[in-house]
Amino acid sequence: MAEAINISWQAGALEVVLTVGGDGIVRLAGIHHVDQPKTARDSSALFEDASLPLTDIRLAGEGTDDTKSSKTLICGLVTERLQYQRHHETSDSKQQTLEVISRDDVSGITVTTTFIVYPGTPALRCFATLHNEGTKDVILCQVNSLVVGGLAHAQWQDHDLPSLGLDSIGVIELNQGHVGSHTAYSVVNRGNFSSGGMLPMGMLRRRDDKETWLWQIENNGSWRWEMGDFKEDIYVALGGPNAFNHSWKECLKPGDSFTTVPCALVRVQGGIDAAFAAMTEYRRHIRRKHKDNETLPIIFNDYMNCLMGDPTEEKVKALIQPALYCGAEYFVIDAGW
């Protein structure tokens, strides 16, 4: 068994702590603000640590261990074979980056998990890139962008964890090797209307507003995030489409690569307003640069409160002069959807 390794990466106001256990697997041990006190994990009489591997992978023909159900996003068999290889940091005026590389010798898959922090933004951006370095095709069925454990000290504002089915039912105390139930609470979107039913976001916060986690999945297609129990603690897993929810698969031929959708994670010692302020700051930073965002021209749209998708030459001409009088610089003829 290899010697354990601790990796501490400080990027701006954030510190990301990774551990490489004796089994060679890289796990996310913590995300902290360097200028705020660290929140200790609630003690467990049965488990010293509830951290999980950085990402989780499922391949066709490779299932899940007996810890969790295949309907969840964690505990895939391939993930348990991913061995830490190396990591490296880069930094420039635009961003700080940490890349962590692991490999599965059985399938030949190499996974690079990338963390990015932008100057002045207390948010962590994450994604994973898989590369097939083997000699055979590999069929991906699921690849998470990020998995974070150790969240049991927080509670939903509108739902407590037991009401979502995330509660202790005594299975761990049976002393039969269980580390969690098969329960997971998930939010899923199907198709390219990424916010058609639910926003690709979630939040977990303490009722006293002393700590809040906020996350988003940055994808204009299918996605899933889930919350479940693991070693008397709570985890959150974020990702794009997968085989179970979306009938998604990706064939990686030897030499091919695949990169997951990005996700962003914010942790603040405060309530909802502080969390959304941090996420908004991050969003403004990653927004595509365009002169319109600087000049902010005044636009008149003839749909809302005017023509309601029924423009004619006569109606449009009657609106142009009043719009110009009000200071509009652009006139948009909008026929609706």
Protein backbone atom coordinates (compact mmCIF):
# COMPACT_ATOMS: atom_id res chain seq x y z
CA MET A 1 0.00 0.00 0.00
CA ALA A 2 1.40 3.36 -1.07
CA GLU A 3 2.04 6.16 1.36
CA ALA A 4 -0.72 8.77 1.65
CA ILE A 5 -0.20 12.18 0.02
CA ASN A 6 -1.82 15.50 0.90
CA ILE A 7 -2.16 18.19 -1.79
CA SER A 8 -3.03 21.74 -0.75
CA TRP A 9 -3.70 24.22 -3.54
CA GLN A 10 -4.28 27.88 -2.75
CA ALA A 11 -5.83 29.96 -5.51
CA GLY A 12 -6.86 33.46 -4.59
CA ALA A 13 -9.16 33.31 -1.59
CA LEU A 14 -9.73 29.56 -1.92
CA GLU A 15 -7.80 26.57 -0.64
CA VAL A 16 -8.54 23.17 -2.17
CA VAL A 17 -7.32 20.15 -0.20
CA LEU A 18 -6.88 16.79 -1.90
CA THR A 19 -5.74 13.50 -0.42
CA VAL A 20 -4.24 10.47 -2.11
CA GLY A 21 -4.93 7.51 0.14
CA GLY A 22 -3.06 4.28 0.51
CA ASP A 23 -5.26 2.88 -2.26
CA GLY A 24 -3.87 5.48 -4.70
CA ILE A 25 -7.24 7.21 -5.28
CA VAL A 26 -7.45 11.02 -5.25
CA ARG A 27 -10.24 12.44 -3.09
CA LEU A 28 -11.48 15.96 -2.46
CA ALA A 29 -11.00 16.53 1.26
CA GLY A 30 -12.08 20.14 1.52
CA ILE A 31 -12.71 23.56 -0.02
CA HIS A 32 -12.04 26.51 2.28
CA HIS A 33 -11.68 30.27 2.30
CA VAL A 34 -8.16 31.08 3.43
CA ASP A 35 -9.31 34.07 5.50
CA GLN A 36 -12.11 32.21 7.29
CA PRO A 37 -11.99 29.49 9.93
CA LYS A 38 -12.33 25.95 8.63
CA THR A 39 -15.52 24.10 9.47
CA ALA A 40 -14.81 20.77 11.10
CA ARG A 41 -16.71 17.71 9.89
CA ASP A 42 -19.26 16.31 12.29
CA SER A 43 -17.67 13.36 14.02
CA SER A 44 -18.66 9.80 13.14
CA ALA A 45 -18.11 6.86 15.42
CA LEU A 46 -17.80 4.53 12.45
CA PHE A 47 -15.92 6.44 9.74
CA GLU A 48 -12.93 8.70 10.02
CA ASP A 49 -13.39 10.20 6.56
CA ALA A 50 -16.30 10.56 4.12
CA SER A 51 -14.49 12.13 1.15
CA LEU A 52 -15.06 10.69 -2.32
CA PRO A 53 -13.00 10.43 -5.53
CA LEU A 54 -12.85 13.63 -7.58
CA THR A 55 -14.98 12.22 -10.37
CA ASP A 56 -16.86 9.00 -10.99
CA ILE A 57 -16.85 6.96 -14.19
CA ARG A 58 -18.95 4.13 -15.55
CA LEU A 59 -18.04 2.16 -18.65
CA ALA A 60 -20.20 -0.29 -20.57
CA GLY A 61 -19.80 -3.70 -18.95
CA GLU A 62 -18.42 -2.20 -15.74
CA GLY A 63 -21.01 -1.68 -13.04
CA THR A 64 -21.09 -0.43 -9.48
CA ASP A 65 -19.69 -1.88 -6.28
CA ASP A 66 -22.07 -3.06 -3.56
CA THR A 67 -21.92 0.32 -1.79
CA LYS A 68 -24.48 2.25 -3.84
CA SER A 69 -27.09 1.55 -6.51
CA SER A 70 -26.27 1.89 -10.19
CA LYS A 71 -28.98 4.59 -10.26
CA THR A 72 -26.64 6.92 -8.36
CA LEU A 73 -23.62 8.81 -9.71
CA ILE A 74 -20.96 7.40 -7.37
CA CYS A 75 -19.11 4.18 -6.52
CA GLY A 76 -18.48 2.93 -10.06
CA LEU A 77 -16.03 0.03 -10.32
CA VAL A 78 -13.74 1.89 -12.73
CA THR A 79 -13.42 4.76 -10.25
CA GLU A 80 -12.00 2.40 -7.65
CA ARG A 81 -9.15 1.54 -10.04
CA LEU A 82 -8.12 5.12 -10.86
CA GLN A 83 -4.58 5.58 -9.58
CA TYR A 84 -3.01 8.97 -8.96
CA GLN A 85 -0.18 9.74 -11.38
CA ARG A 86 0.76 13.38 -10.88
CA HIS A 87 -0.56 16.92 -10.59
CA HIS A 88 0.67 20.31 -11.70
CA GLU A 89 -0.29 23.95 -11.21
CA THR A 90 -0.20 26.84 -13.66
CA SER A 91 -0.95 30.50 -13.14
CA ASP A 92 -1.18 33.64 -15.25
CA SER A 93 -3.00 36.96 -15.13
CA LYS A 94 -6.27 35.34 -16.23
CA GLN A 95 -6.58 32.29 -13.98
CA GLN A 96 -4.98 29.75 -11.67
CA THR A 97 -5.27 26.11 -12.70
CA LEU A 98 -4.71 22.78 -10.99
CA GLU A 99 -4.72 19.56 -13.03
CA VAL A 100 -4.81 16.16 -11.34
CA ILE A 101 -4.09 13.09 -13.47
CA SER A 102 -5.19 9.54 -12.63
CA ARG A 103 -5.14 6.33 -14.65
CA ASP A 104 -6.97 3.01 -14.85
CA ASP A 105 -4.54 0.38 -16.12
CA VAL A 106 -7.32 -2.10 -16.94
CA SER A 107 -9.21 0.06 -19.44
CA GLY A 108 -6.30 2.34 -20.37
CA ILE A 109 -8.32 5.43 -19.44
CA THR A 110 -6.48 8.50 -18.15
CA VAL A 111 -8.55 11.13 -16.32
CA THR A 112 -7.45 14.74 -15.93
CA THR A 113 -9.53 16.67 -13.42
CA THR A 114 -9.15 20.41 -13.87
CA PHE A 115 -9.81 23.08 -11.25
CA ILE A 116 -9.88 26.76 -12.23
CA VAL A 117 -10.11 29.87 -10.06
CA TYR A 118 -10.35 33.32 -11.62
CA PRO A 119 -8.90 36.42 -9.95
CA GLY A 120 -11.24 37.98 -7.42
CA THR A 121 -13.93 35.28 -7.73
CA PRO A 122 -14.54 32.90 -4.78
CA ALA A 123 -15.82 30.12 -7.03
CA LEU A 124 -14.25 26.85 -8.15
CA ARG A 125 -14.76 25.76 -11.76
CA CYS A 126 -14.31 22.06 -12.47
CA PHE A 127 -14.38 19.57 -15.34
CA ALA A 128 -12.76 16.27 -16.28
CA THR A 129 -11.12 15.07 -19.49
CA LEU A 130 -10.83 11.38 -20.32
CA HIS A 131 -8.26 10.05 -22.77
CA ASN A 132 -8.22 6.50 -24.08
CA GLU A 133 -4.58 5.41 -24.01
CA GLY A 134 -5.47 1.75 -24.44
CA THR A 135 -5.70 -0.44 -27.53
CA LYS A 136 -9.48 -1.07 -27.54
CA ASP A 137 -12.62 1.04 -27.84
CA VAL A 138 -14.10 2.20 -24.55
CA ILE A 139 -17.80 3.04 -24.15
CA LEU A 140 -18.48 5.80 -21.62
CA CYS A 141 -21.83 5.62 -19.84
CA GLN A 142 -21.26 8.29 -17.18
CA VAL A 143 -18.57 10.80 -16.27
CA ASN A 144 -19.11 13.27 -13.43
CA SER A 145 -17.64 16.74 -13.57
CA LEU A 146 -17.13 16.77 -9.79
CA VAL A 147 -18.04 14.89 -6.61
CA VAL A 148 -17.94 16.59 -3.19
CA GLY A 149 -18.46 14.77 0.09
CA GLY A 150 -18.63 15.88 3.70
CA LEU A 151 -21.72 18.11 3.58
CA ALA A 152 -23.81 16.66 6.39
CA HIS A 153 -23.54 19.72 8.62
CA ALA A 154 -25.71 21.73 6.18
CA GLN A 155 -29.46 21.44 5.63
CA TRP A 156 -31.89 22.49 2.93
CA GLN A 157 -33.90 25.56 3.80
CA ASP A 158 -37.16 24.20 2.41
CA HIS A 159 -36.47 20.47 2.77
CA ASP A 160 -34.59 18.77 5.53
CA LEU A 161 -32.50 15.80 4.50
CA PRO A 162 -34.72 13.10 6.07
CA SER A 163 -37.70 14.39 4.07
CA LEU A 164 -35.69 13.69 0.92
CA GLY A 165 -34.98 10.14 2.05
CA LEU A 166 -31.46 10.94 3.23
CA ASP A 167 -31.60 9.69 6.80
CA SER A 168 -30.00 7.07 8.98
CA ILE A 169 -32.00 3.85 8.81
CA GLY A 170 -29.58 1.76 10.83
CA VAL A 171 -28.04 -0.14 7.91
CA ILE A 172 -24.53 1.07 8.74
CA GLU A 173 -24.80 -0.05 12.36
CA LEU A 174 -25.45 -3.64 11.21
CA ASN A 175 -21.68 -4.03 10.85
CA GLN A 176 -22.03 -5.83 7.52
CA GLY A 177 -19.69 -3.59 5.54
CA HIS A 178 -22.26 -1.01 4.47
CA VAL A 179 -21.05 2.58 4.05
CA GLY A 180 -24.32 4.09 2.83
CA SER A 181 -27.83 3.43 1.61
CA HIS A 182 -28.90 3.19 -2.03
CA THR A 183 -30.88 6.41 -1.67
CA ALA A 184 -30.11 9.53 -3.70
CA TYR A 185 -32.08 12.71 -4.30
CA SER A 186 -31.52 13.90 -7.85
CA VAL A 187 -32.56 16.73 -10.16
CA VAL A 188 -32.44 15.90 -13.87
CA ASN A 189 -32.96 17.70 -17.16
CA ARG A 190 -33.39 16.04 -20.54
CA GLY A 191 -32.85 17.71 -23.89
CA ASN A 192 -31.33 20.96 -25.09
CA PHE A 193 -33.70 23.24 -23.14
CA SER A 194 -31.37 23.14 -20.15
CA SER A 195 -33.68 25.17 -17.89
CA GLY A 196 -36.98 23.90 -19.29
CA GLY A 197 -38.06 22.38 -16.00
CA MET A 198 -35.47 23.23 -13.36
CA LEU A 199 -32.44 25.46 -13.32
CA PRO A 200 -29.18 23.47 -13.46
CA MET A 201 -28.39 24.64 -9.95
CA GLY A 202 -28.67 23.55 -6.34
CA MET A 203 -28.01 24.89 -2.88
CA LEU A 204 -27.32 23.43 0.52
CA ARG A 205 -27.19 25.68 3.56
CA ARG A 206 -27.26 25.68 7.32
CA ARG A 207 -30.47 26.92 8.86
CA ASP A 208 -28.54 29.51 10.85
CA ASP A 209 -26.99 30.91 7.63
CA LYS A 210 -23.45 30.31 8.86
CA GLU A 211 -22.51 28.26 5.81
CA THR A 212 -23.91 27.81 2.28
CA TRP A 213 -22.91 25.71 -0.72
CA LEU A 214 -24.16 26.76 -4.16
CA TRP A 215 -23.47 24.99 -7.45
CA GLN A 216 -24.34 25.19 -11.13
CA ILE A 217 -23.87 22.91 -14.14
CA GLU A 218 -22.78 24.86 -17.22
CA ASN A 219 -24.44 23.00 -20.06
CA ASN A 220 -27.05 23.84 -22.69
CA GLY A 221 -28.19 20.22 -22.83
CA SER A 222 -28.98 17.33 -20.51
CA TRP A 223 -27.60 17.24 -16.97
CA ARG A 224 -28.03 15.71 -13.54
CA TRP A 225 -26.97 16.56 -10.02
CA GLU A 226 -27.64 14.38 -7.03
CA MET A 227 -27.26 14.32 -3.28
CA GLY A 228 -26.86 11.15 -1.27
CA ASP A 229 -25.49 9.66 1.92
CA PHE A 230 -22.03 8.16 2.28
CA LYS A 231 -20.26 7.12 5.47
CA GLU A 232 -22.67 9.01 7.72
CA ASP A 233 -22.21 12.14 5.66
CA ILE A 234 -23.68 13.80 2.58
CA TYR A 235 -22.17 14.13 -0.90
CA VAL A 236 -23.11 16.10 -4.03
CA ALA A 237 -22.27 14.85 -7.53
CA LEU A 238 -22.56 17.04 -10.65
CA GLY A 239 -22.46 16.09 -14.30
CA GLY A 240 -23.91 16.19 -17.80
CA PRO A 241 -25.86 13.40 -19.52
CA ASN A 242 -25.52 9.75 -18.48
CA ALA A 243 -26.77 6.38 -19.64
CA PHE A 244 -29.37 5.83 -16.90
CA ASN A 245 -31.23 9.14 -17.24
CA HIS A 246 -30.55 10.11 -20.84
CA SER A 247 -29.55 6.90 -22.72
CA TRP A 248 -26.22 8.65 -23.31
CA LYS A 249 -23.05 6.87 -24.39
CA GLU A 250 -19.78 8.00 -25.92
CA CYS A 251 -17.36 5.68 -27.72
CA LEU A 252 -13.69 6.54 -27.17
CA LYS A 253 -11.48 4.86 -29.72
CA PRO A 254 -7.79 4.52 -28.88
CA GLY A 255 -6.35 8.03 -28.79
CA ASP A 256 -9.75 9.74 -28.43
CA SER A 257 -10.65 12.16 -25.61
CA PHE A 258 -13.83 13.40 -24.00
CA THR A 259 -14.32 16.40 -21.70
CA THR A 260 -17.24 16.74 -19.31
CA VAL A 261 -19.43 19.81 -19.05
CA PRO A 262 -18.02 22.41 -16.63
CA CYS A 263 -19.56 23.02 -13.25
CA ALA A 264 -18.98 25.70 -10.65
CA LEU A 265 -19.07 25.44 -6.88
CA VAL A 266 -19.26 28.19 -4.27
CA ARG A 267 -18.82 27.77 -0.52
CA VAL A 268 -19.37 30.78 1.71
CA GLN A 269 -19.69 31.36 5.42
CA GLY A 270 -22.97 33.18 5.09
CA GLY A 271 -26.49 32.79 3.72
CA ILE A 272 -28.22 32.82 0.36
CA ASP A 273 -27.34 36.42 -0.52
CA ALA A 274 -23.63 35.84 0.08
CA ALA A 275 -23.65 32.65 -1.99
CA PHE A 276 -25.42 34.22 -4.97
CA ALA A 277 -23.20 37.29 -4.75
CA ALA A 278 -20.15 35.03 -5.11
CA MET A 279 -21.71 33.07 -7.99
CA THR A 280 -22.76 36.29 -9.75
CA GLU A 281 -19.21 37.60 -9.48
CA TYR A 282 -17.97 34.37 -11.06
CA ARG A 283 -20.56 34.50 -13.85
CA ARG A 284 -19.63 38.05 -14.76
CA HIS A 285 -16.01 36.99 -14.99
CA ILE A 286 -16.60 34.06 -17.35
CA ARG A 287 -19.09 35.93 -19.55
CA ARG A 288 -17.91 36.26 -23.13
CA LYS A 289 -16.38 39.67 -23.73
CA HIS A 290 -18.42 41.86 -26.07
CA LYS A 291 -18.61 45.58 -26.68
CA ASP A 292 -22.38 45.51 -26.09
CA ASN A 293 -21.71 44.65 -22.46
CA GLU A 294 -19.63 47.80 -22.16
CA THR A 295 -21.65 50.31 -24.23
CA LEU A 296 -25.07 48.92 -23.18
CA PRO A 297 -27.14 50.32 -26.08
CA ILE A 298 -30.84 51.00 -25.53
CA ILE A 299 -32.99 48.47 -27.41
CA PHE A 300 -36.70 48.72 -28.17
CA ASN A 301 -38.42 45.37 -28.77
CA ASP A 302 -41.85 45.54 -30.40
CA TYR A 303 -43.07 42.26 -28.93
CA MET A 304 -43.52 42.94 -25.22
CA ASN A 305 -46.50 45.18 -24.38
CA CYS A 306 -46.85 46.24 -28.00
CA LEU A 307 -47.42 43.96 -30.98
CA MET A 308 -47.21 40.58 -29.22
CA GLY A 309 -45.73 38.76 -32.21
CA ASP A 310 -48.04 40.27 -34.84
CA PRO A 311 -45.94 42.92 -36.65
CA THR A 312 -47.13 44.57 -39.85
CA GLU A 313 -45.53 47.37 -41.83
CA GLU A 314 -48.17 49.81 -40.65
CA LYS A 315 -47.83 48.85 -36.96
CA VAL A 316 -44.03 48.92 -37.01
CA LYS A 317 -43.82 52.33 -38.68
CA ALA A 318 -46.16 53.75 -36.06
CA LEU A 319 -43.75 52.70 -33.28
CA ILE A 320 -40.40 53.76 -34.75
CA GLN A 321 -40.65 57.47 -34.03
CA PRO A 322 -41.92 57.09 -30.44
CA ALA A 323 -39.13 54.58 -29.75
CA LEU A 324 -36.55 57.00 -31.13
CA TYR A 325 -38.06 59.80 -29.03
CA CYS A 326 -37.60 57.64 -25.92
CA GLY A 327 -33.89 57.24 -26.71
CA ALA A 328 -33.82 53.81 -28.34
CA GLU A 329 -30.75 53.09 -30.46
CA TYR A 330 -31.94 49.75 -31.88
CA PHE A 331 -35.45 48.76 -33.00
CA VAL A 332 -36.12 45.02 -32.90
CA ILE A 333 -39.00 43.47 -34.83
CA ASP A 334 -39.80 40.37 -32.79
CA ALA A 335 -42.26 37.84 -34.25
CA GLY A 336 -42.10 35.68 -31.13
CA TRP A 337 -41.30 31.97 -31.07
